N, C-alpha and C. Protein backbone atom coordinates (compact mmCIF):
# COMPACT_ATOMS: atom_id res chain seq x y z
N MET A 1 -71.55 -69.78 -94.51
CA MET A 1 -70.89 -70.82 -95.28
C MET A 1 -70.78 -72.07 -94.42
N ILE A 2 -70.99 -73.19 -95.04
CA ILE A 2 -70.89 -74.49 -94.37
C ILE A 2 -69.49 -75.05 -94.59
N TYR A 3 -69.05 -75.86 -93.67
CA TYR A 3 -67.77 -76.56 -93.84
C TYR A 3 -67.94 -77.99 -93.37
N ARG A 4 -67.68 -78.93 -94.27
CA ARG A 4 -67.73 -80.34 -93.93
C ARG A 4 -66.31 -80.89 -93.89
N THR A 5 -66.10 -81.85 -93.03
CA THR A 5 -64.79 -82.49 -92.93
C THR A 5 -64.64 -83.52 -94.05
N ILE A 6 -63.49 -83.51 -94.68
CA ILE A 6 -63.20 -84.47 -95.74
C ILE A 6 -62.42 -85.63 -95.13
N ILE A 7 -62.90 -86.83 -95.34
CA ILE A 7 -62.20 -88.02 -94.88
C ILE A 7 -61.96 -88.89 -96.10
N GLU A 8 -60.69 -89.07 -96.44
CA GLU A 8 -60.33 -89.88 -97.60
C GLU A 8 -59.95 -91.28 -97.15
N SER A 9 -60.32 -92.27 -97.94
CA SER A 9 -59.81 -93.61 -97.67
C SER A 9 -58.32 -93.63 -98.03
N ASN A 10 -57.58 -94.53 -97.43
CA ASN A 10 -56.14 -94.62 -97.71
C ASN A 10 -55.85 -94.87 -99.18
N SER A 11 -56.67 -95.69 -99.82
CA SER A 11 -56.42 -96.01 -101.23
C SER A 11 -56.60 -94.78 -102.12
N VAL A 12 -57.54 -93.90 -101.75
CA VAL A 12 -57.73 -92.67 -102.52
C VAL A 12 -56.52 -91.76 -102.33
N SER A 13 -56.10 -91.58 -101.09
CA SER A 13 -54.93 -90.73 -100.82
C SER A 13 -53.71 -91.23 -101.57
N ASP A 14 -53.47 -92.55 -101.51
CA ASP A 14 -52.31 -93.13 -102.19
C ASP A 14 -52.39 -92.93 -103.70
N SER A 15 -53.58 -93.16 -104.28
CA SER A 15 -53.76 -93.02 -105.72
C SER A 15 -53.54 -91.58 -106.18
N ILE A 16 -54.14 -90.65 -105.47
CA ILE A 16 -54.00 -89.23 -105.83
C ILE A 16 -52.55 -88.77 -105.65
N ASP A 17 -51.93 -89.17 -104.55
CA ASP A 17 -50.53 -88.78 -104.30
C ASP A 17 -49.60 -89.26 -105.41
N LEU A 18 -49.81 -90.48 -105.88
CA LEU A 18 -48.98 -91.00 -106.98
C LEU A 18 -49.17 -90.19 -108.25
N LYS A 19 -50.43 -89.87 -108.57
CA LYS A 19 -50.69 -89.09 -109.78
C LYS A 19 -50.15 -87.67 -109.67
N ILE A 20 -50.23 -87.08 -108.48
CA ILE A 20 -49.71 -85.72 -108.29
C ILE A 20 -48.20 -85.69 -108.47
N LYS A 21 -47.53 -86.77 -108.09
CA LYS A 21 -46.07 -86.83 -108.33
C LYS A 21 -45.78 -86.81 -109.82
N GLU A 22 -46.62 -87.46 -110.61
CA GLU A 22 -46.46 -87.48 -112.07
C GLU A 22 -46.87 -86.15 -112.70
N ILE A 23 -48.00 -85.60 -112.21
CA ILE A 23 -48.58 -84.38 -112.80
C ILE A 23 -48.90 -83.42 -111.65
N PRO A 24 -47.97 -82.57 -111.27
CA PRO A 24 -48.16 -81.68 -110.11
C PRO A 24 -49.39 -80.78 -110.20
N GLU A 25 -49.84 -80.43 -111.40
CA GLU A 25 -51.01 -79.56 -111.55
C GLU A 25 -52.28 -80.19 -110.99
N LEU A 26 -52.30 -81.50 -110.87
CA LEU A 26 -53.48 -82.19 -110.34
C LEU A 26 -53.75 -81.81 -108.88
N SER A 27 -52.74 -81.40 -108.17
CA SER A 27 -52.91 -81.02 -106.77
C SER A 27 -53.91 -79.89 -106.62
N ASP A 28 -53.77 -78.84 -107.43
CA ASP A 28 -54.69 -77.71 -107.37
C ASP A 28 -56.10 -78.11 -107.79
N ILE A 29 -56.20 -78.96 -108.80
CA ILE A 29 -57.52 -79.40 -109.28
C ILE A 29 -58.22 -80.22 -108.21
N TYR A 30 -57.49 -81.14 -107.60
CA TYR A 30 -58.06 -81.99 -106.55
C TYR A 30 -58.48 -81.15 -105.34
N ASP A 31 -57.63 -80.22 -104.95
CA ASP A 31 -57.97 -79.33 -103.83
C ASP A 31 -59.22 -78.51 -104.13
N ALA A 32 -59.35 -78.05 -105.36
CA ALA A 32 -60.54 -77.26 -105.74
C ALA A 32 -61.81 -78.10 -105.67
N LEU A 33 -61.75 -79.35 -106.12
CA LEU A 33 -62.92 -80.23 -106.03
C LEU A 33 -63.30 -80.48 -104.57
N LYS A 34 -62.31 -80.74 -103.74
CA LYS A 34 -62.59 -80.96 -102.31
C LYS A 34 -63.19 -79.71 -101.68
N TRP A 35 -62.69 -78.55 -102.06
CA TRP A 35 -63.20 -77.29 -101.52
C TRP A 35 -64.68 -77.13 -101.88
N ARG A 36 -65.02 -77.39 -103.14
CA ARG A 36 -66.42 -77.27 -103.58
C ARG A 36 -67.33 -78.19 -102.80
N ILE A 37 -66.91 -79.43 -102.63
CA ILE A 37 -67.75 -80.40 -101.93
C ILE A 37 -67.89 -80.03 -100.46
N SER A 38 -66.83 -79.62 -99.83
CA SER A 38 -66.86 -79.37 -98.38
C SER A 38 -67.57 -78.07 -98.01
N ARG A 39 -67.68 -77.14 -98.94
CA ARG A 39 -68.24 -75.83 -98.59
C ARG A 39 -69.57 -75.50 -99.25
N HIS A 40 -70.05 -76.36 -100.09
CA HIS A 40 -71.32 -76.10 -100.76
C HIS A 40 -72.47 -76.51 -99.85
N GLU A 41 -73.43 -75.64 -99.69
CA GLU A 41 -74.54 -75.92 -98.77
C GLU A 41 -75.42 -77.06 -99.22
N ASN A 42 -75.60 -77.22 -100.51
CA ASN A 42 -76.40 -78.31 -101.05
C ASN A 42 -75.48 -79.42 -101.52
N LYS A 43 -76.03 -80.61 -101.64
CA LYS A 43 -75.25 -81.72 -102.16
C LYS A 43 -74.98 -81.45 -103.63
N ILE A 44 -73.72 -81.60 -104.03
CA ILE A 44 -73.36 -81.31 -105.42
C ILE A 44 -72.85 -82.58 -106.09
N GLY A 45 -72.67 -82.51 -107.37
CA GLY A 45 -72.24 -83.66 -108.14
C GLY A 45 -73.46 -84.40 -108.66
N GLU A 46 -73.20 -85.44 -109.37
CA GLU A 46 -74.27 -86.26 -109.95
C GLU A 46 -74.58 -87.41 -109.00
N LYS A 47 -75.83 -87.53 -108.60
CA LYS A 47 -76.27 -88.62 -107.71
C LYS A 47 -76.31 -89.91 -108.52
N ILE A 48 -75.72 -90.95 -107.97
CA ILE A 48 -75.75 -92.25 -108.63
C ILE A 48 -77.03 -92.95 -108.19
N VAL A 49 -77.89 -93.20 -109.14
CA VAL A 49 -79.23 -93.74 -108.89
C VAL A 49 -79.15 -95.04 -108.10
N GLY A 50 -80.01 -95.14 -107.09
CA GLY A 50 -80.10 -96.36 -106.29
C GLY A 50 -79.03 -96.51 -105.23
N THR A 51 -78.22 -95.45 -105.03
CA THR A 51 -77.15 -95.51 -104.02
C THR A 51 -77.16 -94.21 -103.21
N ASP A 52 -76.27 -94.14 -102.23
CA ASP A 52 -76.05 -92.91 -101.46
C ASP A 52 -74.88 -92.12 -102.00
N TYR A 53 -74.36 -92.50 -103.15
CA TYR A 53 -73.13 -91.91 -103.68
C TYR A 53 -73.39 -90.82 -104.71
N TYR A 54 -72.41 -89.92 -104.76
CA TYR A 54 -72.37 -88.84 -105.75
C TYR A 54 -71.04 -88.93 -106.46
N ILE A 55 -70.98 -88.36 -107.67
CA ILE A 55 -69.72 -88.28 -108.38
C ILE A 55 -69.55 -86.85 -108.87
N ILE A 56 -68.35 -86.34 -108.73
CA ILE A 56 -68.00 -85.02 -109.25
C ILE A 56 -66.76 -85.19 -110.11
N LYS A 57 -66.68 -84.43 -111.19
CA LYS A 57 -65.59 -84.58 -112.15
C LYS A 57 -64.95 -83.22 -112.45
N SER A 58 -63.65 -83.27 -112.67
CA SER A 58 -62.97 -82.09 -113.20
C SER A 58 -63.05 -82.15 -114.71
N SER A 59 -62.75 -81.06 -115.38
CA SER A 59 -62.71 -81.11 -116.84
C SER A 59 -61.39 -81.75 -117.26
N LYS A 60 -61.42 -82.43 -118.38
CA LYS A 60 -60.23 -83.09 -118.91
C LYS A 60 -59.52 -82.12 -119.84
N GLU A 61 -58.27 -81.85 -119.56
CA GLU A 61 -57.49 -80.89 -120.35
C GLU A 61 -56.52 -81.66 -121.24
N THR A 62 -57.04 -82.21 -122.34
CA THR A 62 -56.21 -83.04 -123.20
C THR A 62 -55.08 -82.25 -123.86
N ASN A 63 -55.33 -81.00 -124.20
CA ASN A 63 -54.28 -80.21 -124.84
C ASN A 63 -53.12 -79.92 -123.88
N LEU A 64 -53.37 -79.99 -122.57
CA LEU A 64 -52.33 -79.78 -121.57
C LEU A 64 -51.86 -81.11 -120.96
N ASN A 65 -52.41 -82.22 -121.46
CA ASN A 65 -52.09 -83.55 -120.96
C ASN A 65 -52.40 -83.71 -119.47
N ILE A 66 -53.52 -83.12 -119.04
CA ILE A 66 -53.98 -83.22 -117.66
C ILE A 66 -55.25 -84.07 -117.65
N PRO A 67 -55.21 -85.22 -116.97
CA PRO A 67 -56.37 -86.11 -116.98
C PRO A 67 -57.51 -85.58 -116.11
N GLN A 68 -58.66 -86.19 -116.29
CA GLN A 68 -59.83 -85.84 -115.50
C GLN A 68 -59.76 -86.56 -114.15
N ILE A 69 -60.15 -85.86 -113.10
CA ILE A 69 -60.29 -86.49 -111.78
C ILE A 69 -61.77 -86.71 -111.56
N ARG A 70 -62.12 -87.93 -111.19
CA ARG A 70 -63.50 -88.26 -110.83
C ARG A 70 -63.51 -88.75 -109.40
N ILE A 71 -64.33 -88.13 -108.57
CA ILE A 71 -64.37 -88.47 -107.16
C ILE A 71 -65.74 -89.04 -106.81
N LEU A 72 -65.74 -90.24 -106.29
CA LEU A 72 -66.94 -90.88 -105.81
C LEU A 72 -67.01 -90.65 -104.31
N TYR A 73 -68.14 -90.13 -103.83
CA TYR A 73 -68.22 -89.80 -102.41
C TYR A 73 -69.64 -89.94 -101.90
N ARG A 74 -69.77 -89.94 -100.58
CA ARG A 74 -71.08 -89.95 -99.94
C ARG A 74 -71.03 -89.04 -98.73
N TYR A 75 -72.18 -88.54 -98.36
CA TYR A 75 -72.31 -87.71 -97.18
C TYR A 75 -72.61 -88.61 -95.99
N GLU A 76 -72.00 -88.34 -94.87
CA GLU A 76 -72.27 -89.08 -93.65
C GLU A 76 -72.72 -88.07 -92.60
N GLY A 77 -74.00 -88.07 -92.33
CA GLY A 77 -74.54 -87.06 -91.43
C GLY A 77 -74.44 -85.69 -92.07
N ASN A 78 -74.36 -84.68 -91.26
CA ASN A 78 -74.26 -83.32 -91.78
C ASN A 78 -72.83 -82.81 -91.87
N ASN A 79 -71.88 -83.55 -91.33
CA ASN A 79 -70.54 -82.99 -91.21
C ASN A 79 -69.44 -83.70 -91.98
N ASN A 80 -69.63 -84.94 -92.37
CA ASN A 80 -68.52 -85.67 -92.95
C ASN A 80 -68.82 -86.14 -94.37
N ILE A 81 -67.79 -86.12 -95.16
CA ILE A 81 -67.87 -86.65 -96.51
C ILE A 81 -66.79 -87.71 -96.61
N ILE A 82 -67.15 -88.88 -97.08
CA ILE A 82 -66.20 -89.97 -97.21
C ILE A 82 -65.86 -90.14 -98.67
N PHE A 83 -64.59 -90.06 -99.02
CA PHE A 83 -64.16 -90.36 -100.37
C PHE A 83 -63.88 -91.84 -100.43
N GLU A 84 -64.57 -92.51 -101.30
CA GLU A 84 -64.45 -93.96 -101.39
C GLU A 84 -63.26 -94.37 -102.25
N SER A 85 -62.87 -95.60 -102.10
CA SER A 85 -61.69 -96.10 -102.80
C SER A 85 -61.90 -96.20 -104.31
N ASN A 86 -63.14 -96.04 -104.77
CA ASN A 86 -63.39 -96.09 -106.20
C ASN A 86 -63.06 -94.75 -106.88
N SER A 87 -62.62 -93.76 -106.13
CA SER A 87 -62.23 -92.50 -106.74
C SER A 87 -60.98 -92.75 -107.57
N PHE A 88 -60.87 -92.10 -108.70
CA PHE A 88 -59.75 -92.37 -109.55
C PHE A 88 -59.44 -91.22 -110.48
N VAL A 89 -58.29 -91.31 -111.09
CA VAL A 89 -57.85 -90.33 -112.08
C VAL A 89 -57.76 -91.06 -113.40
N SER A 90 -58.30 -90.46 -114.45
CA SER A 90 -58.20 -91.12 -115.77
C SER A 90 -57.56 -90.19 -116.76
């Protein structure tokens, strides 16, 4: 199994932390997405054409009032993943 280090920009951490205070269930969803990205041997998510970026999304649970998390990220070398400030919760 591979393990990559997750490095979040401050704006991503602040944004996610605020949403988790509103909707605590988002913490588990966000952690699961980070786990998938950091431990998957191949690059996962949808590649954004013409860039080095990928996007991964959680499912939107409208009946539970849980929004979708979309994470924009890029790989840096073989070990680091940078979560960009464009990551957001909708």
